[in-house]
Amino acid sequence: MEEIINLKLLEHLEETYKKLVFFYPHEQLFQDYLEKARKSINKLRRDLIRSAI
C-alpha cells in the first residue's frame, strides 16, 4: 500500500516537473529532476510488479 502511495506522489511530482520544463526549457535543473523522478517511478513500478508475482 505504501508503495502505491509513493508511486502516486512521484507521478504527481513528474507532472509538476513536466510543466516546469515546458515553461523553463533552458533550466537544466528541472530537466534533471524530471529525469530522476522518471527513474524512480520506473524502479518503483518494477518493484511493485515483482512483489505481485
N, C-alpha and C. Protein backbone atom coordinates (compact mmCIF):
# COMPACT_ATOMS: atom_id res chain seq x y z
N MET A 1 0.82 -1.20 0.00
CA MET A 1 0.00 0.00 0.00
C MET A 1 0.87 1.27 0.00
N GLU A 2 1.91 1.25 0.81
CA GLU A 2 2.81 2.40 0.88
C GLU A 2 3.48 2.66 -0.46
N GLU A 3 3.82 1.59 -1.18
CA GLU A 3 4.46 1.75 -2.47
C GLU A 3 3.54 2.43 -3.47
N ILE A 4 2.25 2.11 -3.40
CA ILE A 4 1.28 2.72 -4.32
C ILE A 4 1.15 4.22 -4.04
N ILE A 5 1.14 4.58 -2.76
CA ILE A 5 1.07 5.99 -2.40
C ILE A 5 2.31 6.72 -2.89
N ASN A 6 3.48 6.10 -2.69
CA ASN A 6 4.72 6.70 -3.17
C ASN A 6 4.70 6.87 -4.68
N LEU A 7 4.17 5.88 -5.38
CA LEU A 7 4.09 5.95 -6.83
C LEU A 7 3.21 7.12 -7.26
N LYS A 8 2.07 7.28 -6.62
CA LYS A 8 1.17 8.40 -6.96
C LYS A 8 1.84 9.75 -6.69
N LEU A 9 2.56 9.84 -5.58
CA LEU A 9 3.27 11.09 -5.28
C LEU A 9 4.34 11.38 -6.31
N LEU A 10 5.08 10.36 -6.71
CA LEU A 10 6.12 10.54 -7.73
C LEU A 10 5.51 10.92 -9.07
N GLU A 11 4.38 10.32 -9.42
CA GLU A 11 3.72 10.67 -10.68
C GLU A 11 3.26 12.13 -10.66
N HIS A 12 2.75 12.57 -9.51
CA HIS A 12 2.35 13.97 -9.39
C HIS A 12 3.57 14.89 -9.51
N LEU A 13 4.66 14.50 -8.89
CA LEU A 13 5.90 15.26 -8.98
C LEU A 13 6.40 15.32 -10.42
N GLU A 14 6.28 14.20 -11.13
CA GLU A 14 6.69 14.15 -12.53
C GLU A 14 5.88 15.15 -13.36
N GLU A 15 4.57 15.20 -13.13
CA GLU A 15 3.72 16.14 -13.87
C GLU A 15 4.13 17.59 -13.57
N THR A 16 4.45 17.86 -12.33
CA THR A 16 4.89 19.21 -11.96
C THR A 16 6.17 19.58 -12.68
N TYR A 17 7.13 18.66 -12.71
CA TYR A 17 8.40 18.94 -13.39
C TYR A 17 8.21 19.05 -14.90
N LYS A 18 7.27 18.31 -15.46
CA LYS A 18 6.98 18.45 -16.90
C LYS A 18 6.53 19.88 -17.21
N LYS A 19 5.67 20.41 -16.34
CA LYS A 19 5.19 21.78 -16.54
C LYS A 19 6.32 22.79 -16.40
N LEU A 20 7.17 22.58 -15.40
CA LEU A 20 8.29 23.49 -15.20
C LEU A 20 9.25 23.46 -16.38
N VAL A 21 9.52 22.26 -16.90
CA VAL A 21 10.40 22.13 -18.07
C VAL A 21 9.77 22.81 -19.28
N PHE A 22 8.45 22.70 -19.40
CA PHE A 22 7.76 23.34 -20.52
C PHE A 22 7.91 24.86 -20.46
N PHE A 23 7.71 25.44 -19.27
CA PHE A 23 7.76 26.89 -19.13
C PHE A 23 9.19 27.43 -19.01
N TYR A 24 10.11 26.58 -18.56
CA TYR A 24 11.51 27.00 -18.42
C TYR A 24 12.42 25.98 -19.09
N PRO A 25 12.37 25.88 -20.42
CA PRO A 25 13.14 24.84 -21.12
C PRO A 25 14.65 25.01 -20.99
N HIS A 26 15.11 26.21 -20.70
CA HIS A 26 16.54 26.47 -20.58
C HIS A 26 17.09 26.05 -19.22
N GLU A 27 16.22 25.75 -18.27
CA GLU A 27 16.63 25.44 -16.90
C GLU A 27 16.96 23.96 -16.77
N GLN A 28 18.23 23.63 -16.74
CA GLN A 28 18.70 22.24 -16.70
C GLN A 28 18.30 21.55 -15.40
N LEU A 29 18.21 22.29 -14.31
CA LEU A 29 17.88 21.71 -13.02
C LEU A 29 16.53 20.99 -13.06
N PHE A 30 15.53 21.61 -13.67
CA PHE A 30 14.21 21.00 -13.76
C PHE A 30 14.24 19.75 -14.63
N GLN A 31 15.02 19.79 -15.70
CA GLN A 31 15.15 18.62 -16.57
C GLN A 31 15.81 17.47 -15.82
N ASP A 32 16.82 17.77 -15.01
CA ASP A 32 17.49 16.74 -14.21
C ASP A 32 16.53 16.12 -13.20
N TYR A 33 15.75 16.97 -12.52
CA TYR A 33 14.79 16.45 -11.55
C TYR A 33 13.71 15.61 -12.22
N LEU A 34 13.29 16.02 -13.41
CA LEU A 34 12.29 15.25 -14.15
C LEU A 34 12.83 13.87 -14.47
N GLU A 35 14.07 13.80 -14.91
CA GLU A 35 14.70 12.52 -15.24
C GLU A 35 14.82 11.64 -13.99
N LYS A 36 15.18 12.23 -12.86
CA LYS A 36 15.28 11.47 -11.61
C LYS A 36 13.91 10.94 -11.18
N ALA A 37 12.89 11.77 -11.33
CA ALA A 37 11.53 11.34 -10.98
C ALA A 37 11.10 10.18 -11.86
N ARG A 38 11.38 10.25 -13.15
CA ARG A 38 11.01 9.17 -14.07
C ARG A 38 11.74 7.87 -13.72
N LYS A 39 13.02 7.97 -13.37
CA LYS A 39 13.77 6.77 -12.99
C LYS A 39 13.20 6.15 -11.72
N SER A 40 12.84 6.99 -10.77
CA SER A 40 12.26 6.48 -9.52
C SER A 40 10.91 5.82 -9.76
N ILE A 41 10.11 6.41 -10.63
CA ILE A 41 8.80 5.83 -10.97
C ILE A 41 8.98 4.47 -11.62
N ASN A 42 9.89 4.38 -12.57
CA ASN A 42 10.13 3.11 -13.25
C ASN A 42 10.62 2.04 -12.29
N LYS A 43 11.52 2.41 -11.39
CA LYS A 43 12.04 1.45 -10.41
C LYS A 43 10.93 0.97 -9.49
N LEU A 44 10.11 1.89 -9.01
CA LEU A 44 9.02 1.53 -8.11
C LEU A 44 8.00 0.64 -8.82
N ARG A 45 7.70 0.94 -10.07
CA ARG A 45 6.77 0.09 -10.83
C ARG A 45 7.32 -1.32 -11.00
N ARG A 46 8.62 -1.44 -11.30
CA ARG A 46 9.24 -2.77 -11.43
C ARG A 46 9.16 -3.52 -10.10
N ASP A 47 9.43 -2.83 -9.01
CA ASP A 47 9.37 -3.46 -7.69
C ASP A 47 7.95 -3.92 -7.36
N LEU A 48 6.97 -3.10 -7.72
CA LEU A 48 5.57 -3.48 -7.47
C LEU A 48 5.18 -4.71 -8.28
N ILE A 49 5.63 -4.76 -9.53
CA ILE A 49 5.31 -5.91 -10.38
C ILE A 49 5.97 -7.17 -9.83
N ARG A 50 7.22 -7.05 -9.42
CA ARG A 50 7.93 -8.20 -8.86
C ARG A 50 7.27 -8.71 -7.59
N SER A 51 6.81 -7.81 -6.74
CA SER A 51 6.19 -8.23 -5.48
C SER A 51 4.81 -8.83 -5.72
N ALA A 52 4.18 -8.49 -6.83
CA ALA A 52 2.85 -9.03 -7.14
C ALA A 52 2.93 -10.46 -7.68
N ILE A 53 4.09 -10.83 -8.19
CA ILE A 53 4.25 -12.16 -8.79
C ILE A 53 4.53 -13.18 -7.73
